[in-house]
């Protein structure tokens, strides 16, 4: 559960950073979301895969 909690907190922090940048630089907000959204989505997918593999290896070591 700790790995999933950390993963969720990182994704929320990344989205908050995108929102802060968009509000701080209103002229660049469209390009921030155009570039930042795919980065967050791909990073979230890779993070989920990492958490899944980490949990799978922990289960294998317990058995």
Protein backbone atom coordinates (compact mmCIF):
# COMPACT_ATOMS: atom_id res chain seq x y z
CA UNK A 1 0.00 0.00 0.00
CA UNK A 2 2.88 2.38 0.67
CA UNK A 3 4.07 2.21 -2.94
CA UNK A 4 0.60 3.05 -4.27
CA UNK A 5 0.21 5.92 -1.83
CA UNK A 6 3.56 7.37 -2.85
CA UNK A 7 2.65 6.94 -6.52
CA UNK A 8 -0.67 8.75 -6.08
CA UNK A 9 0.99 11.59 -4.18
CA UNK A 10 3.59 12.04 -6.94
CA UNK A 11 0.92 12.18 -9.65
CA UNK A 12 -1.08 14.74 -7.65
CA UNK A 13 2.07 16.80 -7.10
CA UNK A 14 2.83 16.73 -10.84
CA UNK A 15 -0.67 17.90 -11.69
CA UNK A 16 -0.44 20.64 -9.07
CA UNK A 17 2.89 21.76 -10.54
CA UNK A 18 1.30 21.95 -14.01
CA UNK A 19 -1.55 24.00 -12.61
CA UNK A 20 0.85 26.34 -10.78
CA UNK A 21 2.93 26.86 -13.92
CA UNK A 22 -0.19 27.52 -15.97
CA UNK A 23 -1.41 30.15 -13.51
CA UNK A 24 2.05 31.68 -13.16
CA UNK A 25 2.58 32.01 -16.89
CA UNK A 26 -0.84 32.67 -18.44
CA UNK A 27 0.62 33.37 -21.88
CA UNK A 28 2.23 29.92 -21.97
CA UNK A 29 -0.57 27.96 -20.29
CA UNK A 30 -1.78 26.27 -23.49
CA UNK A 31 1.70 25.04 -24.38
CA UNK A 32 2.30 23.96 -20.76
CA UNK A 33 -0.75 21.71 -20.89
CA UNK A 34 0.03 20.58 -24.45
CA UNK A 35 3.49 19.39 -23.38
CA UNK A 36 2.86 18.61 -19.71
CA UNK A 37 -0.25 16.47 -19.95
CA UNK A 38 1.32 13.70 -22.07
CA UNK A 39 4.37 13.76 -19.80
CA UNK A 40 2.20 13.26 -16.72
CA UNK A 41 0.12 10.54 -18.41
CA UNK A 42 3.17 8.60 -19.63
CA UNK A 43 4.89 9.08 -16.27
CA UNK A 44 1.79 7.83 -14.46
CA UNK A 45 1.68 4.74 -16.67
CA UNK A 46 5.34 3.99 -16.06
CA UNK A 47 4.91 4.61 -12.34
CA UNK A 48 1.98 2.22 -12.17
CA UNK A 49 4.02 -0.43 -13.98
CA UNK A 50 6.91 0.09 -11.56
CA UNK A 51 4.64 -0.22 -8.52
CA UNK A 52 3.04 -3.36 -9.97
CA UNK A 53 6.43 -4.98 -10.63
CA UNK A 54 7.69 -4.01 -7.18
CA UNK A 55 4.68 -5.57 -5.51
CA UNK A 56 4.96 -8.68 -7.70
CA UNK A 57 8.60 -9.21 -6.72
CA UNK A 58 7.77 -8.74 -3.03
CA UNK A 59 5.05 -11.39 -3.27
CA UNK A 60 7.44 -13.78 -5.00
CA UNK A 61 10.00 -13.38 -2.21
CA UNK A 62 7.40 -14.03 0.49
CA UNK A 63 6.30 -17.35 -0.99
